[in-house]
Amino acid sequence: MRIGLAQARFPQSLADGITIVKQMIGRASEQHCDVVCFPESIIPGLRGVGYEVEKYDHTLMTSALEDICAIAKQNQVAVILPTEWKDEDGMHLVAFVISETGEILGYQTKNQIDPEEDQFDYVPGKGRLLFERKDVTFGIVICHEGWRYPETVRWAARKGAHIVFHPQFTGQVANPEFYKGAMVGRSLENNIYFASVNYALEHQGSTTTLVSPTGEKLSVMPENTEGLLVWDIDPAKAHGLLAKRFHSKLF
């Protein structure tokens, strides 16, 4: 399966976010990607990280989602689309999975909320899901989850995921080596691919990176550079041996 990881600029508005997503889907189609993944909350933008983000409007968000589904179908590319989303439980950070035919296959909620995000009254989700495209099974963990809750990645690996996508926002941080090491850890401790997708930022604590099941950094985007990281992954190499050997009943 050919994946595309979109290191996009931070959107100036919901409308700008939609434009960015459309452009990157087009680029992914041109490079024959089967699926393209975006950074955390690409629409309308992530709150609390130094940028102005407009007030949530469910009608506009629903319309944006429908628009992007149509673009996915037009370009025949599956899309992992991180957004804000309000349901009967409250406001969530999620990642929608849209098929290459424009069908919404579901969404993964962010279940571990960063303490700094409590001010926005986000509600943690209640479960985890796996998805499948082109005979590749994948999970999704969102930012803080992948950095500090390795159990979220291990869950997907033990359930048969070949790759875990990690939409994130990491700006300037005091300990960038932690983030670089965590990406390698999530792949190597499970023997699966780990695909971390950040924004193009002037100061990036981590850049968009694909790590192999053996912990090798296969491709790393440069800082402050918009672009699409494209790679053909081999699911046979993601055997998940270490994840499968975990004795969960001991804990």
C-alpha atoms as a PDB file:
ATOM      1  CA  MET A   1       0.000   0.000   0.000  1.00  0.00           C
ATOM      2  CA  ARG A   2       1.301   3.452  -0.874  1.00  0.00           C
ATOM      3  CA  ILE A   3       0.752   5.993   1.877  1.00  0.00           C
ATOM      4  CA  GLY A   4       1.008   9.776   1.846  1.00  0.00           C
ATOM      5  CA  LEU A   5       1.751  11.796   4.988  1.00  0.00           C
ATOM      6  CA  ALA A   6       0.766  15.429   4.494  1.00  0.00           C
ATOM      7  CA  GLN A   7       2.990  17.870   6.368  1.00  0.00           C
ATOM      8  CA  ALA A   8       0.743  20.856   5.741  1.00  0.00           C
ATOM      9  CA  ARG A   9       0.833  24.467   6.850  1.00  0.00           C
ATOM     10  CA  PHE A  10      -1.396  25.437   9.775  1.00  0.00           C
ATOM     11  CA  PRO A  11      -4.774  26.629   8.409  1.00  0.00           C
ATOM     12  CA  GLN A  12      -5.740  30.267   8.794  1.00  0.00           C
ATOM     13  CA  SER A  13      -9.425  29.335   8.874  1.00  0.00           C
ATOM     14  CA  LEU A  14     -11.819  26.436   8.354  1.00  0.00           C
ATOM     15  CA  ALA A  15     -12.046  27.383   4.675  1.00  0.00           C
ATOM     16  CA  ASP A  16      -8.260  27.475   4.386  1.00  0.00           C
ATOM     17  CA  GLY A  17      -8.051  24.055   6.020  1.00  0.00           C
ATOM     18  CA  ILE A  18     -10.443  22.653   3.430  1.00  0.00           C
ATOM     19  CA  THR A  19      -8.311  24.160   0.657  1.00  0.00           C
ATOM     20  CA  ILE A  20      -5.151  22.603   2.123  1.00  0.00           C
ATOM     21  CA  VAL A  21      -6.807  19.188   2.376  1.00  0.00           C
ATOM     22  CA  LYS A  22      -8.110  19.339  -1.183  1.00  0.00           C
ATOM     23  CA  GLN A  23      -4.707  20.315  -2.551  1.00  0.00           C
ATOM     24  CA  MET A  24      -2.922  17.542  -0.668  1.00  0.00           C
ATOM     25  CA  ILE A  25      -5.478  14.936  -1.751  1.00  0.00           C
ATOM     26  CA  GLY A  26      -4.812  16.011  -5.337  1.00  0.00           C
ATOM     27  CA  ARG A  27      -1.063  15.615  -4.824  1.00  0.00           C
ATOM     28  CA  ALA A  28      -1.588  12.213  -3.233  1.00  0.00           C
ATOM     29  CA  SER A  29      -3.654  11.134  -6.235  1.00  0.00           C
ATOM     30  CA  GLU A  30      -0.975  12.316  -8.648  1.00  0.00           C
ATOM     31  CA  GLN A  31       1.556  10.168  -6.785  1.00  0.00           C
ATOM     32  CA  HIS A  32      -0.801   7.172  -6.759  1.00  0.00           C
ATOM     33  CA  CYS A  33      -1.245   7.043  -2.989  1.00  0.00           C
ATOM     34  CA  ASP A  34      -3.857   4.679  -1.607  1.00  0.00           C
ATOM     35  CA  VAL A  35      -4.339   6.704   1.580  1.00  0.00           C
ATOM     36  CA  VAL A  36      -3.275  10.143   2.779  1.00  0.00           C
ATOM     37  CA  CYS A  37      -3.125  11.240   6.437  1.00  0.00           C
ATOM     38  CA  PHE A  38      -3.215  14.815   7.796  1.00  0.00           C
ATOM     39  CA  PRO A  39      -2.020  16.446  11.076  1.00  0.00           C
ATOM     40  CA  GLU A  40      -4.179  16.746  14.178  1.00  0.00           C
ATOM     41  CA  SER A  41      -7.353  18.826  13.712  1.00  0.00           C
ATOM     42  CA  ILE A  42      -6.413  20.053  10.225  1.00  0.00           C
ATOM     43  CA  ILE A  43      -9.920  21.450  10.129  1.00  0.00           C
ATOM     44  CA  PRO A  44     -10.633  23.884  11.666  1.00  0.00           C
ATOM     45  CA  GLY A  45      -7.090  23.927  13.196  1.00  0.00           C
ATOM     46  CA  LEU A  46      -5.864  22.887  16.640  1.00  0.00           C
ATOM     47  CA  ARG A  47      -6.733  25.135  19.582  1.00  0.00           C
ATOM     48  CA  GLY A  48      -4.295  26.317  22.220  1.00  0.00           C
ATOM     49  CA  VAL A  49      -1.077  26.168  20.203  1.00  0.00           C
ATOM     50  CA  GLY A  50      -0.627  29.851  19.385  1.00  0.00           C
ATOM     51  CA  TYR A  51      -2.952  30.290  16.417  1.00  0.00           C
ATOM     52  CA  GLU A  52      -6.400  31.842  16.177  1.00  0.00           C
ATOM     53  CA  VAL A  53      -9.041  29.188  15.504  1.00  0.00           C
ATOM     54  CA  GLU A  54     -12.635  30.124  14.758  1.00  0.00           C
ATOM     55  CA  LYS A  55     -15.562  29.009  16.898  1.00  0.00           C
ATOM     56  CA  TYR A  56     -16.865  25.508  16.227  1.00  0.00           C
ATOM     57  CA  ASP A  57     -19.877  25.390  13.897  1.00  0.00           C
ATOM     58  CA  HIS A  58     -21.332  21.910  13.431  1.00  0.00           C
ATOM     59  CA  THR A  59     -23.228  22.824  10.276  1.00  0.00           C
ATOM     60  CA  LEU A  60     -20.064  24.126   8.620  1.00  0.00           C
ATOM     61  CA  MET A  61     -18.065  21.127   9.818  1.00  0.00           C
ATOM     62  CA  THR A  62     -20.643  18.724   8.413  1.00  0.00           C
ATOM     63  CA  SER A  63     -20.558  20.541   5.091  1.00  0.00           C
ATOM     64  CA  ALA A  64     -16.739  20.464   5.079  1.00  0.00           C
ATOM     65  CA  LEU A  65     -16.735  16.736   5.738  1.00  0.00           C
ATOM     66  CA  GLU A  66     -19.171  16.112   2.888  1.00  0.00           C
ATOM     67  CA  ASP A  67     -17.016  18.258   0.593  1.00  0.00           C
ATOM     68  CA  ILE A  68     -13.871  16.302   1.429  1.00  0.00           C
ATOM     69  CA  CYS A  69     -15.672  12.990   0.951  1.00  0.00           C
ATOM     70  CA  ALA A  70     -16.514  14.132  -2.574  1.00  0.00           C
ATOM     71  CA  ILE A  71     -12.876  15.095  -3.225  1.00  0.00           C
ATOM     72  CA  ALA A  72     -11.680  11.723  -1.940  1.00  0.00           C
ATOM     73  CA  LYS A  73     -14.056   9.972  -4.341  1.00  0.00           C
ATOM     74  CA  GLN A  74     -13.064  12.221  -7.238  1.00  0.00           C
ATOM     75  CA  ASN A  75      -9.373  11.468  -6.659  1.00  0.00           C
ATOM     76  CA  GLN A  76      -9.851   7.828  -5.649  1.00  0.00           C
ATOM     77  CA  VAL A  77      -7.756   8.277  -2.490  1.00  0.00           C
ATOM     78  CA  ALA A  78      -8.680   7.186   1.039  1.00  0.00           C
ATOM     79  CA  VAL A  79      -8.262   9.974   3.610  1.00  0.00           C
ATOM     80  CA  ILE A  80      -7.475  10.104   7.328  1.00  0.00           C
ATOM     81  CA  LEU A  81      -8.951  13.473   8.264  1.00  0.00           C
ATOM     82  CA  PRO A  82      -8.389  14.769  11.821  1.00  0.00           C
ATOM     83  CA  THR A  83     -11.020  17.288  12.942  1.00  0.00           C
ATOM     84  CA  GLU A  84     -13.033  18.570  15.847  1.00  0.00           C
ATOM     85  CA  TRP A  85     -16.411  16.864  16.079  1.00  0.00           C
ATOM     86  CA  LYS A  86     -19.366  17.310  18.403  1.00  0.00           C
ATOM     87  CA  ASP A  87     -21.699  14.417  19.183  1.00  0.00           C
ATOM     88  CA  GLU A  88     -24.183  13.545  21.931  1.00  0.00           C
ATOM     89  CA  ASP A  89     -21.332  13.134  24.443  1.00  0.00           C
ATOM     90  CA  GLY A  90     -19.747  16.510  23.744  1.00  0.00           C
ATOM     91  CA  MET A  91     -16.784  17.924  21.819  1.00  0.00           C
ATOM     92  CA  HIS A  92     -14.097  15.522  20.631  1.00  0.00           C
ATOM     93  CA  LEU A  93     -10.854  15.549  18.724  1.00  0.00           C
ATOM     94  CA  VAL A  94     -11.220  12.802  16.133  1.00  0.00           C
ATOM     95  CA  ALA A  95      -9.786  11.388  12.937  1.00  0.00           C
ATOM     96  CA  PHE A  96     -12.320  10.443  10.268  1.00  0.00           C
ATOM     97  CA  VAL A  97     -11.472   7.639   7.861  1.00  0.00           C
ATOM     98  CA  ILE A  98     -12.913   8.207   4.381  1.00  0.00           C
ATOM     99  CA  SER A  99     -12.678   5.535   1.704  1.00  0.00           C
ATOM    100  CA  GLU A 100     -11.506   6.115  -1.867  1.00  0.00           C
ATOM    101  CA  THR A 101     -15.181   5.989  -2.872  1.00  0.00           C
ATOM    102  CA  GLY A 102     -16.057   8.844  -0.508  1.00  0.00           C
ATOM    103  CA  GLU A 103     -17.683   6.671   2.169  1.00  0.00           C
ATOM    104  CA  ILE A 104     -17.131   7.538   5.833  1.00  0.00           C
ATOM    105  CA  LEU A 105     -15.863   4.334   7.444  1.00  0.00           C
ATOM    106  CA  GLY A 106     -15.927   5.761  10.957  1.00  0.00           C
ATOM    107  CA  TYR A 107     -13.754   7.882  13.196  1.00  0.00           C
ATOM    108  CA  GLN A 108     -11.239   7.365  15.957  1.00  0.00           C
ATOM    109  CA  THR A 109     -11.635   9.636  18.961  1.00  0.00           C
ATOM    110  CA  LYS A 110      -8.768  11.026  20.996  1.00  0.00           C
ATOM    111  CA  ASN A 111      -9.225   9.126  24.230  1.00  0.00           C
ATOM    112  CA  GLN A 112      -6.282  10.571  26.191  1.00  0.00           C
ATOM    113  CA  ILE A 113      -6.616  14.347  26.357  1.00  0.00           C
ATOM    114  CA  ASP A 114      -3.537  16.467  26.992  1.00  0.00           C
ATOM    115  CA  PRO A 115      -3.977  18.348  30.331  1.00  0.00           C
ATOM    116  CA  GLU A 116      -3.407  21.626  28.486  1.00  0.00           C
ATOM    117  CA  GLU A 117      -6.497  20.868  26.364  1.00  0.00           C
ATOM    118  CA  ASP A 118      -8.849  20.583  29.348  1.00  0.00           C
ATOM    119  CA  GLN A 119      -9.607  24.313  28.992  1.00  0.00           C
ATOM    120  CA  PHE A 120     -11.491  23.587  25.766  1.00  0.00           C
ATOM    121  CA  ASP A 121     -13.800  21.017  27.419  1.00  0.00           C
ATOM    122  CA  TYR A 122     -12.894  18.198  25.056  1.00  0.00           C
ATOM    123  CA  VAL A 123     -14.485  14.889  25.994  1.00  0.00           C
ATOM    124  CA  PRO A 124     -12.297  11.779  25.723  1.00  0.00           C
ATOM    125  CA  GLY A 125     -13.622   9.005  23.528  1.00  0.00           C
ATOM    126  CA  LYS A 126     -14.591   5.582  24.832  1.00  0.00           C
ATOM    127  CA  GLY A 127     -13.082   3.053  22.454  1.00  0.00           C
ATOM    128  CA  ARG A 128     -10.587   2.205  19.756  1.00  0.00           C
ATOM    129  CA  LEU A 129     -11.126   1.050  16.185  1.00  0.00           C
ATOM    130  CA  LEU A 130      -9.191  -0.626  13.408  1.00  0.00           C
ATOM    131  CA  PHE A 131      -9.642   0.081   9.703  1.00  0.00           C
ATOM    132  CA  GLU A 132      -8.590  -1.751   6.565  1.00  0.00           C
ATOM    133  CA  ARG A 133      -7.689  -0.656   3.040  1.00  0.00           C
ATOM    134  CA  LYS A 134      -5.824  -2.614   0.346  1.00  0.00           C
ATOM    135  CA  ASP A 135      -5.352  -5.598   2.700  1.00  0.00           C
ATOM    136  CA  VAL A 136      -3.564  -3.361   5.210  1.00  0.00           C
ATOM    137  CA  THR A 137      -5.008  -3.054   8.711  1.00  0.00           C
ATOM    138  CA  PHE A 138      -4.344   0.211  10.525  1.00  0.00           C
ATOM    139  CA  GLY A 139      -5.073   2.017  13.738  1.00  0.00           C
ATOM    140  CA  ILE A 140      -4.957   5.709  14.651  1.00  0.00           C
ATOM    141  CA  VAL A 141      -3.641   7.387  17.795  1.00  0.00           C
ATOM    142  CA  ILE A 142      -3.838  11.146  18.125  1.00  0.00           C
ATOM    143  CA  CYS A 143      -0.864  13.247  19.299  1.00  0.00           C
ATOM    144  CA  HIS A 144      -0.599  13.034  23.147  1.00  0.00           C
ATOM    145  CA  GLU A 145      -1.818   9.408  23.021  1.00  0.00           C
ATOM    146  CA  GLY A 146       1.077   8.227  20.898  1.00  0.00           C
ATOM    147  CA  TRP A 147       3.681  10.177  22.860  1.00  0.00           C
ATOM    148  CA  ARG A 148       2.742   9.256  26.403  1.00  0.00           C
ATOM    149  CA  TYR A 149       0.324   6.332  26.237  1.00  0.00           C
ATOM    150  CA  PRO A 150       2.086   3.518  24.344  1.00  0.00           C
ATOM    151  CA  GLU A 151      -0.790   1.220  25.262  1.00  0.00           C
ATOM    152  CA  THR A 152      -2.864   2.895  22.560  1.00  0.00           C
ATOM    153  CA  VAL A 153      -0.452   1.743  19.854  1.00  0.00           C
ATOM    154  CA  ARG A 154       0.026  -1.694  21.397  1.00  0.00           C
ATOM    155  CA  TRP A 155      -3.744  -2.239  21.384  1.00  0.00           C
ATOM    156  CA  ALA A 156      -3.836  -1.758  17.616  1.00  0.00           C
ATOM    157  CA  ALA A 157      -0.739  -3.920  17.067  1.00  0.00           C
ATOM    158  CA  ARG A 158      -2.146  -6.774  19.152  1.00  0.00           C
ATOM    159  CA  LYS A 159      -5.371  -6.599  17.164  1.00  0.00           C
ATOM    160  CA  GLY A 160      -3.456  -7.034  13.890  1.00  0.00           C
ATOM    161  CA  ALA A 161      -2.581  -3.512  12.738  1.00  0.00           C
ATOM    162  CA  HIS A 162       0.295  -3.335  10.268  1.00  0.00           C
ATOM    163  CA  ILE A 163       0.636   0.426  10.703  1.00  0.00           C
ATOM    164  CA  VAL A 164      -0.539   3.059  13.167  1.00  0.00           C
ATOM    165  CA  PHE A 165      -1.081   6.607  11.922  1.00  0.00           C
ATOM    166  CA  HIS A 166      -0.284   9.378  14.400  1.00  0.00           C
ATOM    167  CA  PRO A 167      -1.769  12.798  13.540  1.00  0.00           C
ATOM    168  CA  GLN A 168      -0.095  15.329  15.820  1.00  0.00           C
ATOM    169  CA  PHE A 169       0.940  18.897  16.535  1.00  0.00           C
ATOM    170  CA  THR A 170       4.370  19.365  18.118  1.00  0.00           C
ATOM    171  CA  GLY A 171       5.843  22.832  18.051  1.00  0.00           C
ATOM    172  CA  GLN A 172       8.917  24.126  19.854  1.00  0.00           C
ATOM    173  CA  VAL A 173       9.674  21.893  22.841  1.00  0.00           C
ATOM    174  CA  ALA A 174      12.459  21.671  25.426  1.00  0.00           C
ATOM    175  CA  ASN A 175      13.160  17.983  24.762  1.00  0.00           C
ATOM    176  CA  PRO A 176      12.793  17.168  21.058  1.00  0.00           C
ATOM    177  CA  GLU A 177      14.799  13.960  21.479  1.00  0.00           C
ATOM    178  CA  PHE A 178      11.928  12.501  23.503  1.00  0.00           C
ATOM    179  CA  TYR A 179       9.567  12.831  20.549  1.00  0.00           C
ATOM    180  CA  LYS A 180      12.058  11.405  18.078  1.00  0.00           C
ATOM    181  CA  GLY A 181      12.728   8.464  20.371  1.00  0.00           C
ATOM    182  CA  ALA A 182       9.049   7.863  21.112  1.00  0.00           C
ATOM    183  CA  MET A 183       8.286   7.383  17.414  1.00  0.00           C
ATOM    184  CA  VAL A 184      10.967   4.725  17.137  1.00  0.00           C
ATOM    185  CA  GLY A 185       9.766   3.111  20.348  1.00  0.00           C
ATOM    186  CA  ARG A 186       6.152   2.827  19.189  1.00  0.00           C
ATOM    187  CA  SER A 187       7.254   0.947  16.062  1.00  0.00           C
ATOM    188  CA  LEU A 188      10.059  -1.184  17.467  1.00  0.00           C
ATOM    189  CA  GLU A 189       8.279  -2.275  20.651  1.00  0.00           C
ATOM    190  CA  ASN A 190       5.420  -3.597  18.487  1.00  0.00           C
ATOM    191  CA  ASN A 191       7.144  -4.517  15.182  1.00  0.00           C
ATOM    192  CA  ILE A 192       4.762  -2.410  13.090  1.00  0.00           C
ATOM    193  CA  TYR A 193       5.025   0.744  10.973  1.00  0.00           C
ATOM    194  CA  PHE A 194       4.477   4.038  12.795  1.00  0.00           C
ATOM    195  CA  ALA A 195       3.505   7.056  10.682  1.00  0.00           C
ATOM    196  CA  SER A 196       3.631  10.367  12.568  1.00  0.00           C
ATOM    197  CA  VAL A 197       2.215  13.429  10.786  1.00  0.00           C
ATOM    198  CA  ASN A 198       2.966  16.963  12.008  1.00  0.00           C
ATOM    199  CA  TYR A 199       2.310  20.418  10.586  1.00  0.00           C
ATOM    200  CA  ALA A 200       4.982  22.388   8.733  1.00  0.00           C
ATOM    201  CA  LEU A 201       6.143  24.714  11.514  1.00  0.00           C
ATOM    202  CA  GLU A 202       8.969  27.194  11.949  1.00  0.00           C
ATOM    203  CA  HIS A 203       9.982  25.418  15.151  1.00  0.00           C
ATOM    204  CA  GLN A 204       9.086  21.729  15.119  1.00  0.00           C
ATOM    205  CA  GLY A 205       9.715  19.420  18.044  1.00  0.00           C
ATOM    206  CA  SER A 206       9.250  16.565  15.616  1.00  0.00           C
ATOM    207  CA  THR A 207       8.775  16.366  11.881  1.00  0.00           C
ATOM    208  CA  THR A 208       6.579  14.052   9.844  1.00  0.00           C
ATOM    209  CA  THR A 209       8.269  10.659  10.019  1.00  0.00           C
ATOM    210  CA  LEU A 210       7.692   7.074   8.902  1.00  0.00           C
ATOM    211  CA  VAL A 211       9.339   4.373  11.042  1.00  0.00           C
ATOM    212  CA  SER A 212       9.698   0.730   9.992  1.00  0.00           C
ATOM    213  CA  PRO A 213       8.748  -2.322  12.094  1.00  0.00           C
ATOM    214  CA  THR A 214      12.445  -2.673  12.966  1.00  0.00           C
ATOM    215  CA  GLY A 215      12.725   0.910  14.224  1.00  0.00           C
ATOM    216  CA  GLU A 216      14.409   2.349  11.136  1.00  0.00           C
ATOM    217  CA  LYS A 217      13.429   5.895  10.166  1.00  0.00           C
ATOM    218  CA  LEU A 218      12.477   5.255   6.554  1.00  0.00           C
ATOM    219  CA  SER A 219      11.745   8.875   5.684  1.00  0.00           C
ATOM    220  CA  VAL A 220      11.754  12.168   7.589  1.00  0.00           C
ATOM    221  CA  MET A 221      10.382  15.493   6.350  1.00  0.00           C
ATOM    222  CA  PRO A 222      12.502  18.632   6.924  1.00  0.00           C
ATOM    223  CA  GLU A 223      11.277  21.307   9.333  1.00  0.00           C
ATOM    224  CA  ASN A 224       9.010  24.133   8.183  1.00  0.00           C
ATOM    225  CA  THR A 225       8.469  22.492   4.796  1.00  0.00           C
ATOM    226  CA  GLU A 226       5.093  21.731   3.290  1.00  0.00           C
ATOM    227  CA  GLY A 227       5.078  18.469   1.434  1.00  0.00           C
ATOM    228  CA  LEU A 228       3.855  14.937   1.050  1.00  0.00           C
ATOM    229  CA  LEU A 229       5.939  12.055   2.366  1.00  0.00           C
ATOM    230  CA  VAL A 230       5.170   9.093   0.070  1.00  0.00           C
ATOM    231  CA  TRP A 231       6.182   5.507   0.792  1.00  0.00           C
ATOM    232  CA  ASP A 232       5.194   1.981  -0.230  1.00  0.00           C
ATOM    233  CA  ILE A 233       4.774  -0.115   2.916  1.00  0.00           C
ATOM    234  CA  ASP A 234       5.013  -3.899   2.942  1.00  0.00           C
ATOM    235  CA  PRO A 235       2.487  -5.367   5.424  1.00  0.00           C
ATOM    236  CA  ALA A 236       4.388  -8.673   5.490  1.00  0.00           C
ATOM    237  CA  LYS A 237       7.217  -6.894   7.341  1.00  0.00           C
ATOM    238  CA  ALA A 238       4.841  -5.686  10.074  1.00  0.00           C
ATOM    239  CA  HIS A 239       4.558  -9.057  11.834  1.00  0.00           C
ATOM    240  CA  GLY A 240       3.812  -7.577  15.263  1.00  0.00           C
ATOM    241  CA  LEU A 241       5.850 -10.255  17.054  1.00  0.00           C
ATOM    242  CA  LEU A 242       6.706  -8.266  20.180  1.00  0.00           C
ATOM    243  CA  ALA A 243       3.144  -6.983  20.526  1.00  0.00           C
ATOM    244  CA  LYS A 244       1.744 -10.498  20.248  1.00  0.00           C
ATOM    245  CA  ARG A 245       4.116 -11.777  22.956  1.00  0.00           C
ATOM    246  CA  PHE A 246       2.837  -9.263  25.512  1.00  0.00           C
ATOM    247  CA  HIS A 247       1.317 -11.093  28.512  1.00  0.00           C
ATOM    248  CA  SER A 248      -1.612  -8.807  29.174  1.00  0.00           C
ATOM    249  CA  LYS A 249      -3.053 -11.046  31.932  1.00  0.00           C
ATOM    250  CA  LEU A 250      -0.076 -10.262  34.141  1.00  0.00           C
ATOM    251  CA  PHE A 251      -1.274  -6.668  34.541  1.00  0.00           C
END
